[in-house]
């Protein structure tokens, strides 16, 4: 009987120790999880993508009216697309502007200039909160723009 009592006490103690340690682990993990509203992470996939003011058609109208085909690239017969990446911040500001795939140094610089001059965007949304989102766009030089939205 004494052996049985020690065994039961031992099992009961182990159970309570395990239960308490699990409770502390879960409660501290729950407190440590940040909501997307508090996050400074840069998302690549979100529930609602960032948007240029006026939408996609306005973005391509802006690009068409703002991009200047560099004379050095025109003389060299360079045609193609420059793919630019940037981060749309929570306040709509564009930062971390860089080329992902360049074409010609003059075209790359022009594409970066145009993106840096863009107005603030409507930020991306995740769980109802504005978040930082990485975004990529192609900018065409001397070729018909296959990425233009259909009317």
N, C-alpha and C. Protein backbone atom coordinates (compact mmCIF):
# COMPACT_ATOMS: atom_id res chain seq x y z
N UNK A 1 0.82 -1.19 0.00
CA UNK A 1 0.00 0.00 0.00
C UNK A 1 0.87 1.26 0.00
N UNK A 2 1.94 1.27 0.74
CA UNK A 2 2.84 2.40 0.78
C UNK A 2 3.45 2.67 -0.60
N UNK A 3 3.82 1.61 -1.29
CA UNK A 3 4.38 1.75 -2.63
C UNK A 3 3.34 2.34 -3.59
N UNK A 4 2.09 1.91 -3.47
CA UNK A 4 1.02 2.42 -4.32
C UNK A 4 0.79 3.92 -4.06
N UNK A 5 0.79 4.36 -2.80
CA UNK A 5 0.61 5.76 -2.47
C UNK A 5 1.73 6.63 -3.04
N UNK A 6 2.97 6.15 -2.94
CA UNK A 6 4.10 6.90 -3.50
C UNK A 6 3.98 7.00 -5.03
N UNK A 7 3.55 5.90 -5.65
CA UNK A 7 3.38 5.88 -7.10
C UNK A 7 2.31 6.88 -7.54
N UNK A 8 1.17 6.90 -6.85
CA UNK A 8 0.09 7.83 -7.19
C UNK A 8 0.51 9.27 -6.95
N UNK A 9 1.20 9.53 -5.86
CA UNK A 9 1.67 10.87 -5.55
C UNK A 9 2.66 11.33 -6.61
N UNK A 10 3.51 10.40 -7.02
CA UNK A 10 4.49 10.71 -8.04
C UNK A 10 3.82 11.06 -9.37
N UNK A 11 2.81 10.29 -9.75
CA UNK A 11 2.09 10.54 -11.00
C UNK A 11 1.32 11.86 -10.90
N UNK A 12 0.68 12.11 -9.77
CA UNK A 12 -0.07 13.35 -9.58
C UNK A 12 0.86 14.55 -9.64
N UNK A 13 2.01 14.47 -9.01
CA UNK A 13 2.99 15.57 -9.04
C UNK A 13 3.48 15.82 -10.45
N UNK A 14 3.76 14.75 -11.16
CA UNK A 14 4.23 14.89 -12.54
C UNK A 14 3.14 15.54 -13.41
N UNK A 15 1.91 15.11 -13.20
CA UNK A 15 0.80 15.67 -13.98
C UNK A 15 0.69 17.17 -13.75
N UNK A 16 0.71 17.60 -12.48
CA UNK A 16 0.58 19.02 -12.18
C UNK A 16 1.77 19.82 -12.67
N UNK A 17 2.96 19.26 -12.56
CA UNK A 17 4.14 19.94 -13.07
C UNK A 17 4.03 20.12 -14.59
N UNK A 18 3.60 19.09 -15.29
CA UNK A 18 3.43 19.16 -16.74
C UNK A 18 2.34 20.18 -17.11
N UNK A 19 1.22 20.14 -16.37
CA UNK A 19 0.12 21.06 -16.66
C UNK A 19 0.55 22.51 -16.46
N UNK A 20 1.26 22.80 -15.39
CA UNK A 20 1.70 24.16 -15.10
C UNK A 20 2.72 24.62 -16.14
N UNK A 21 3.65 23.75 -16.52
CA UNK A 21 4.66 24.15 -17.51
C UNK A 21 4.02 24.40 -18.87
N UNK A 22 3.04 23.60 -19.25
CA UNK A 22 2.32 23.82 -20.51
C UNK A 22 1.56 25.14 -20.46
N UNK A 23 0.92 25.43 -19.35
CA UNK A 23 0.17 26.68 -19.22
C UNK A 23 1.08 27.89 -19.38
N UNK A 24 2.25 27.87 -18.71
CA UNK A 24 3.20 28.97 -18.84
C UNK A 24 3.70 29.11 -20.27
N UNK A 25 4.00 28.00 -20.91
CA UNK A 25 4.48 28.04 -22.30
C UNK A 25 3.44 28.63 -23.22
N UNK A 26 2.22 28.19 -23.13
CA UNK A 26 1.15 28.68 -23.99
C UNK A 26 0.85 30.15 -23.71
N UNK A 27 0.78 30.52 -22.44
CA UNK A 27 0.44 31.90 -22.13
C UNK A 27 1.53 32.87 -22.58
N UNK A 28 2.80 32.51 -22.44
CA UNK A 28 3.87 33.39 -22.88
C UNK A 28 3.94 33.46 -24.40
N UNK A 29 3.66 32.37 -25.08
CA UNK A 29 3.64 32.39 -26.55
C UNK A 29 2.52 33.27 -27.05
N UNK A 30 1.37 33.20 -26.43
CA UNK A 30 0.24 34.02 -26.86
C UNK A 30 0.54 35.50 -26.67
N UNK A 31 1.23 35.84 -25.59
CA UNK A 31 1.57 37.24 -25.35
C UNK A 31 2.64 37.72 -26.32
N UNK A 32 3.52 36.82 -26.76
CA UNK A 32 4.63 37.21 -27.62
C UNK A 32 4.22 37.38 -29.08
N UNK A 33 3.09 36.82 -29.48
CA UNK A 33 2.67 36.93 -30.88
C UNK A 33 2.17 38.34 -31.16
N UNK A 34 2.75 38.95 -32.18
CA UNK A 34 2.34 40.29 -32.56
C UNK A 34 1.26 40.22 -33.63
N UNK A 35 0.38 41.17 -33.61
CA UNK A 35 -0.64 41.24 -34.65
C UNK A 35 -0.02 41.92 -35.87
N UNK A 36 -0.61 41.73 -37.06
CA UNK A 36 -0.06 42.41 -38.24
C UNK A 36 -0.02 43.93 -38.08
N UNK A 37 -0.91 44.49 -37.24
CA UNK A 37 -0.92 45.95 -37.04
C UNK A 37 0.36 46.42 -36.36
N UNK A 38 0.93 45.59 -35.51
CA UNK A 38 2.14 45.95 -34.78
C UNK A 38 3.40 45.57 -35.54
N UNK A 39 3.26 44.75 -36.57
CA UNK A 39 4.40 44.16 -37.25
C UNK A 39 5.13 45.16 -38.13
N UNK A 40 6.44 45.05 -38.13
CA UNK A 40 7.28 45.82 -39.05
C UNK A 40 7.81 44.91 -40.15
N UNK A 41 7.31 43.66 -40.21
CA UNK A 41 7.73 42.73 -41.25
C UNK A 41 7.25 43.21 -42.61
N UNK A 42 7.99 42.82 -43.65
CA UNK A 42 7.60 43.13 -45.02
C UNK A 42 6.95 41.88 -45.59
N UNK A 43 5.68 41.98 -45.97
CA UNK A 43 4.92 40.86 -46.50
C UNK A 43 5.12 40.78 -48.01
N UNK A 44 5.00 39.57 -48.55
CA UNK A 44 5.01 39.38 -50.00
C UNK A 44 3.63 38.96 -50.49
N UNK A 45 2.86 38.33 -49.62
CA UNK A 45 1.49 37.91 -49.94
C UNK A 45 0.58 38.46 -48.86
N UNK A 46 -0.44 39.20 -49.26
CA UNK A 46 -1.38 39.78 -48.31
C UNK A 46 -2.81 39.61 -48.83
N UNK A 47 -3.76 39.84 -47.94
CA UNK A 47 -5.17 39.71 -48.32
C UNK A 47 -5.57 40.76 -49.35
N UNK A 48 -5.07 41.98 -49.21
CA UNK A 48 -5.36 43.06 -50.16
C UNK A 48 -4.04 43.71 -50.57
N UNK A 49 -3.70 43.61 -51.85
CA UNK A 49 -2.45 44.15 -52.37
C UNK A 49 -2.46 45.68 -52.33
N UNK A 50 -1.29 46.30 -52.25
CA UNK A 50 -1.22 47.76 -52.34
C UNK A 50 -1.74 48.21 -53.71
N UNK A 51 -2.27 49.44 -53.76
CA UNK A 51 -2.83 49.95 -55.01
C UNK A 51 -2.32 51.36 -55.28
N UNK A 52 -2.00 51.60 -56.54
CA UNK A 52 -1.65 52.94 -57.00
C UNK A 52 -2.92 53.79 -56.93
N UNK A 53 -2.80 55.07 -56.58
CA UNK A 53 -4.01 55.91 -56.53
C UNK A 53 -4.72 55.91 -57.89
N UNK A 54 -5.96 55.49 -57.90
CA UNK A 54 -6.72 55.43 -59.15
C UNK A 54 -6.74 54.04 -59.77
N UNK A 55 -5.96 53.12 -59.22
CA UNK A 55 -5.98 51.74 -59.71
C UNK A 55 -4.91 51.42 -60.74
N UNK A 56 -5.02 50.23 -61.30
CA UNK A 56 -4.02 49.71 -62.22
C UNK A 56 -3.95 50.52 -63.52
N UNK A 57 -5.11 50.90 -64.05
CA UNK A 57 -5.12 51.70 -65.29
C UNK A 57 -4.42 53.04 -65.07
N UNK A 58 -4.64 53.66 -63.91
CA UNK A 58 -3.98 54.94 -63.60
C UNK A 58 -2.47 54.76 -63.47
N UNK A 59 -2.03 53.61 -62.94
CA UNK A 59 -0.60 53.32 -62.84
C UNK A 59 0.02 53.28 -64.23
N UNK A 60 -0.59 52.57 -65.14
CA UNK A 60 -0.02 52.47 -66.49
C UNK A 60 -0.12 53.79 -67.25
N UNK A 61 -1.14 54.59 -67.00
CA UNK A 61 -1.20 55.93 -67.59
C UNK A 61 -0.06 56.79 -67.05
N UNK A 62 0.19 56.68 -65.74
CA UNK A 62 1.29 57.42 -65.11
C UNK A 62 2.63 57.01 -65.74
N UNK A 63 2.84 55.70 -65.87
CA UNK A 63 4.10 55.22 -66.45
C UNK A 63 4.25 55.70 -67.89
N UNK A 64 3.18 55.61 -68.67
CA UNK A 64 3.24 56.02 -70.06
C UNK A 64 3.55 57.51 -70.20
N UNK A 65 3.02 58.32 -69.32
CA UNK A 65 3.24 59.76 -69.42
C UNK A 65 4.53 60.23 -68.76
N UNK A 66 5.12 59.41 -67.88
CA UNK A 66 6.28 59.84 -67.11
C UNK A 66 7.60 59.25 -67.62
N UNK A 67 7.57 58.03 -68.12
CA UNK A 67 8.81 57.37 -68.57
C UNK A 67 9.33 58.06 -69.83
N UNK A 68 10.60 58.39 -69.80
CA UNK A 68 11.28 58.97 -70.95
C UNK A 68 12.31 57.95 -71.45
N UNK A 69 12.15 57.53 -72.68
CA UNK A 69 13.05 56.55 -73.28
C UNK A 69 14.43 57.21 -73.43
N UNK A 70 15.46 56.74 -72.72
CA UNK A 70 16.77 57.38 -72.79
C UNK A 70 17.35 57.37 -74.21
N UNK A 71 17.91 58.49 -74.61
CA UNK A 71 18.45 58.62 -75.97
C UNK A 71 19.57 57.61 -76.23
N UNK A 72 20.42 57.37 -75.23
CA UNK A 72 21.52 56.42 -75.42
C UNK A 72 20.99 55.00 -75.66
N UNK A 73 19.91 54.63 -74.99
CA UNK A 73 19.31 53.31 -75.20
C UNK A 73 18.62 53.24 -76.56
N UNK A 74 17.98 54.35 -76.95
CA UNK A 74 17.30 54.40 -78.25
C UNK A 74 18.33 54.23 -79.38
N UNK A 75 19.47 54.96 -79.27
CA UNK A 75 20.52 54.88 -80.31
C UNK A 75 21.14 53.48 -80.36
N UNK A 76 21.23 52.84 -79.20
CA UNK A 76 21.81 51.49 -79.14
C UNK A 76 20.81 50.41 -79.57
N UNK A 77 19.56 50.81 -79.80
CA UNK A 77 18.54 49.86 -80.23
C UNK A 77 18.05 48.95 -79.10
N UNK A 78 18.19 49.42 -77.88
CA UNK A 78 17.77 48.62 -76.72
C UNK A 78 16.26 48.69 -76.57
N UNK A 79 15.64 47.52 -76.48
CA UNK A 79 14.20 47.42 -76.26
C UNK A 79 13.95 46.31 -75.26
N UNK A 80 12.97 46.53 -74.40
CA UNK A 80 12.64 45.50 -73.42
C UNK A 80 11.99 46.09 -72.19
N UNK A 81 12.07 45.33 -71.10
CA UNK A 81 11.44 45.74 -69.84
C UNK A 81 12.45 45.73 -68.70
N UNK A 82 12.30 46.69 -67.82
CA UNK A 82 13.05 46.73 -66.57
C UNK A 82 12.07 46.35 -65.47
N UNK A 83 12.42 45.36 -64.66
CA UNK A 83 11.56 44.95 -63.55
C UNK A 83 12.07 45.61 -62.28
N UNK A 84 11.20 46.38 -61.66
CA UNK A 84 11.55 47.16 -60.47
C UNK A 84 10.81 46.61 -59.26
N UNK A 85 11.51 46.51 -58.14
CA UNK A 85 10.90 46.09 -56.89
C UNK A 85 10.97 47.23 -55.89
N UNK A 86 9.98 47.29 -55.00
CA UNK A 86 9.96 48.32 -53.97
C UNK A 86 9.06 47.85 -52.84
N UNK A 87 9.12 48.53 -51.71
CA UNK A 87 8.26 48.22 -50.57
C UNK A 87 7.27 49.36 -50.41
N UNK A 88 5.98 49.00 -50.36
CA UNK A 88 4.94 49.97 -50.06
C UNK A 88 4.75 49.92 -48.54
N UNK A 89 5.12 51.01 -47.87
CA UNK A 89 5.06 51.07 -46.40
C UNK A 89 3.61 51.22 -45.94
N UNK A 90 3.40 51.11 -44.64
CA UNK A 90 2.06 51.23 -44.05
C UNK A 90 1.39 52.57 -44.38
N UNK A 91 2.20 53.61 -44.57
CA UNK A 91 1.65 54.94 -44.87
C UNK A 91 1.56 55.21 -46.37
N UNK A 92 1.90 54.20 -47.20
CA UNK A 92 1.80 54.34 -48.64
C UNK A 92 3.07 54.82 -49.32
N UNK A 93 4.07 55.18 -48.53
CA UNK A 93 5.35 55.65 -49.07
C UNK A 93 6.09 54.48 -49.72
N UNK A 94 6.82 54.75 -50.81
CA UNK A 94 7.61 53.72 -51.49
C UNK A 94 9.06 53.82 -51.04
N UNK A 95 9.62 52.68 -50.60
CA UNK A 95 11.01 52.64 -50.16
C UNK A 95 11.69 51.41 -50.77
N UNK A 96 12.98 51.30 -50.55
CA UNK A 96 13.78 50.16 -51.00
C UNK A 96 13.59 49.89 -52.50
N UNK A 97 13.61 50.95 -53.29
CA UNK A 97 13.42 50.84 -54.74
C UNK A 97 14.70 50.30 -55.37
N UNK A 98 14.57 49.24 -56.18
CA UNK A 98 15.73 48.63 -56.83
C UNK A 98 15.28 47.89 -58.08
N UNK A 99 16.22 47.65 -58.99
CA UNK A 99 15.90 46.85 -60.16
C UNK A 99 16.10 45.38 -59.83
N UNK A 100 15.18 44.55 -60.30
CA UNK A 100 15.30 43.10 -60.14
C UNK A 100 15.97 42.54 -61.39
N UNK A 101 15.52 43.03 -62.53
CA UNK A 101 16.06 42.60 -63.82
C UNK A 101 16.23 43.84 -64.67
N UNK A 102 17.48 44.19 -64.93
CA UNK A 102 17.77 45.39 -65.69
C UNK A 102 17.83 45.13 -67.19
N UNK A 103 17.96 46.22 -67.93
CA UNK A 103 17.98 46.15 -69.39
C UNK A 103 19.21 46.85 -69.94
N UNK A 104 19.40 48.09 -69.55
CA UNK A 104 20.49 48.95 -70.00
C UNK A 104 20.66 49.97 -68.87
N UNK A 105 21.88 50.37 -68.54
CA UNK A 105 22.06 51.29 -67.41
C UNK A 105 21.17 52.54 -67.47
N UNK A 106 21.01 53.12 -68.65
CA UNK A 106 20.18 54.33 -68.76
C UNK A 106 18.70 54.00 -68.52
N UNK A 107 18.25 52.87 -69.03
CA UNK A 107 16.85 52.45 -68.82
C UNK A 107 16.61 52.11 -67.35
N UNK A 108 17.58 51.45 -66.73
CA UNK A 108 17.45 51.10 -65.32
C UNK A 108 17.31 52.36 -64.46
N UNK A 109 18.16 53.36 -64.73
CA UNK A 109 18.10 54.61 -63.97
C UNK A 109 16.77 55.33 -64.18
N UNK A 110 16.27 55.32 -65.42
CA UNK A 110 15.00 55.98 -65.71
C UNK A 110 13.86 55.28 -64.98
N UNK A 111 13.87 53.96 -64.97
CA UNK A 111 12.82 53.20 -64.27
C UNK A 111 12.85 53.51 -62.77
N UNK A 112 14.03 53.57 -62.19
CA UNK A 112 14.15 53.89 -60.77
C UNK A 112 13.67 55.31 -60.49
N UNK A 113 14.00 56.26 -61.37
CA UNK A 113 13.57 57.64 -61.21
C UNK A 113 12.05 57.75 -61.20
N UNK A 114 11.43 57.04 -62.14
CA UNK A 114 9.97 57.11 -62.27
C UNK A 114 9.29 56.52 -61.04
N UNK A 115 9.78 55.39 -60.55
CA UNK A 115 9.16 54.77 -59.37
C UNK A 115 9.37 55.64 -58.13
N UNK A 116 10.55 56.20 -57.97
CA UNK A 116 10.81 57.08 -56.81
C UNK A 116 9.94 58.33 -56.83
N UNK A 117 9.51 58.76 -58.01
CA UNK A 117 8.68 59.96 -58.13
C UNK A 117 7.18 59.67 -57.98
N UNK A 118 6.80 58.42 -57.83
CA UNK A 118 5.38 58.06 -57.72
C UNK A 118 4.76 58.66 -56.46
N UNK A 119 3.46 58.96 -56.53
CA UNK A 119 2.76 59.42 -55.33
C UNK A 119 2.58 58.25 -54.35
N UNK A 120 2.15 58.56 -53.14
CA UNK A 120 1.90 57.50 -52.15
C UNK A 120 0.81 56.56 -52.65
N UNK A 121 1.00 55.29 -52.36
CA UNK A 121 0.04 54.26 -52.74
C UNK A 121 -0.92 54.00 -51.59
N UNK A 122 -2.02 53.33 -51.89
CA UNK A 122 -2.89 52.81 -50.84
C UNK A 122 -2.20 51.55 -50.32
N UNK A 123 -1.89 51.46 -49.02
CA UNK A 123 -1.10 50.33 -48.52
C UNK A 123 -1.85 49.00 -48.58
N UNK A 124 -1.07 47.91 -48.53
CA UNK A 124 -1.66 46.58 -48.48
C UNK A 124 -2.29 46.32 -47.12
N UNK A 125 -3.22 45.37 -47.09
CA UNK A 125 -3.94 45.06 -45.85
C UNK A 125 -3.80 43.58 -45.51
N UNK A 126 -3.61 43.30 -44.24
CA UNK A 126 -3.59 41.93 -43.71
C UNK A 126 -4.34 41.95 -42.39
N UNK A 127 -5.36 41.13 -42.27
CA UNK A 127 -6.19 41.05 -41.07
C UNK A 127 -6.76 42.42 -40.69
N UNK A 128 -7.10 43.21 -41.69
CA UNK A 128 -7.70 44.52 -41.45
C UNK A 128 -6.72 45.61 -41.08
N UNK A 129 -5.42 45.33 -41.13
CA UNK A 129 -4.40 46.31 -40.76
C UNK A 129 -3.52 46.63 -41.96
N UNK A 130 -3.05 47.87 -42.04
CA UNK A 130 -2.08 48.25 -43.06
C UNK A 130 -0.74 47.63 -42.72
N UNK A 131 -0.08 47.06 -43.73
CA UNK A 131 1.21 46.40 -43.52
C UNK A 131 2.17 46.80 -44.63
N UNK A 132 3.48 46.59 -44.40
CA UNK A 132 4.50 46.81 -45.42
C UNK A 132 4.43 45.65 -46.41
N UNK A 133 4.46 45.96 -47.71
CA UNK A 133 4.35 44.92 -48.74
C UNK A 133 5.38 45.15 -49.83
N UNK A 134 6.09 44.09 -50.21
CA UNK A 134 7.04 44.14 -51.32
C UNK A 134 6.24 44.01 -52.61
N UNK A 135 6.56 44.85 -53.60
CA UNK A 135 5.79 44.90 -54.83
C UNK A 135 6.75 44.98 -56.01
N UNK A 136 6.39 44.39 -57.13
CA UNK A 136 7.21 44.40 -58.34
C UNK A 136 6.38 44.89 -59.52
N UNK A 137 7.01 45.70 -60.39
CA UNK A 137 6.32 46.13 -61.61
C UNK A 137 7.31 46.11 -62.78
N UNK A 138 6.80 45.83 -63.98
CA UNK A 138 7.64 45.94 -65.18
C UNK A 138 7.46 47.33 -65.80
N UNK A 139 8.55 47.89 -66.31
CA UNK A 139 8.48 49.17 -67.01
C UNK A 139 9.10 48.95 -68.39
N UNK A 140 8.30 49.23 -69.42
CA UNK A 140 8.70 48.92 -70.80
C UNK A 140 9.42 50.08 -71.47
N UNK A 141 10.38 49.73 -72.31
CA UNK A 141 11.14 50.70 -73.11
C UNK A 141 11.18 50.22 -74.55
N UNK A 142 10.51 50.96 -75.42
CA UNK A 142 10.58 50.69 -76.85
C UNK A 142 9.83 49.46 -77.33
N UNK A 143 9.00 48.87 -76.49
CA UNK A 143 8.20 47.71 -76.90
C UNK A 143 6.76 47.93 -76.46
N UNK A 144 5.81 47.32 -77.18
CA UNK A 144 4.42 47.41 -76.70
C UNK A 144 4.32 46.79 -75.31
N UNK A 145 3.54 47.39 -74.46
CA UNK A 145 3.44 46.92 -73.08
C UNK A 145 2.43 45.79 -72.96
N UNK A 146 2.93 44.57 -72.86
CA UNK A 146 2.07 43.38 -72.73
C UNK A 146 1.43 43.31 -71.35
N UNK A 147 1.94 44.09 -70.40
CA UNK A 147 1.42 44.03 -69.03
C UNK A 147 0.30 45.04 -68.81
N UNK A 148 -0.04 45.82 -69.83
CA UNK A 148 -1.11 46.83 -69.71
C UNK A 148 -2.43 46.11 -69.43
N UNK A 149 -3.22 46.61 -68.48
CA UNK A 149 -4.51 45.97 -68.19
C UNK A 149 -5.46 46.10 -69.37
N UNK A 150 -6.28 45.08 -69.55
CA UNK A 150 -7.27 45.07 -70.63
C UNK A 150 -8.38 46.05 -70.31
N UNK A 151 -8.89 46.74 -71.33
CA UNK A 151 -9.97 47.71 -71.13
C UNK A 151 -11.31 47.04 -71.22
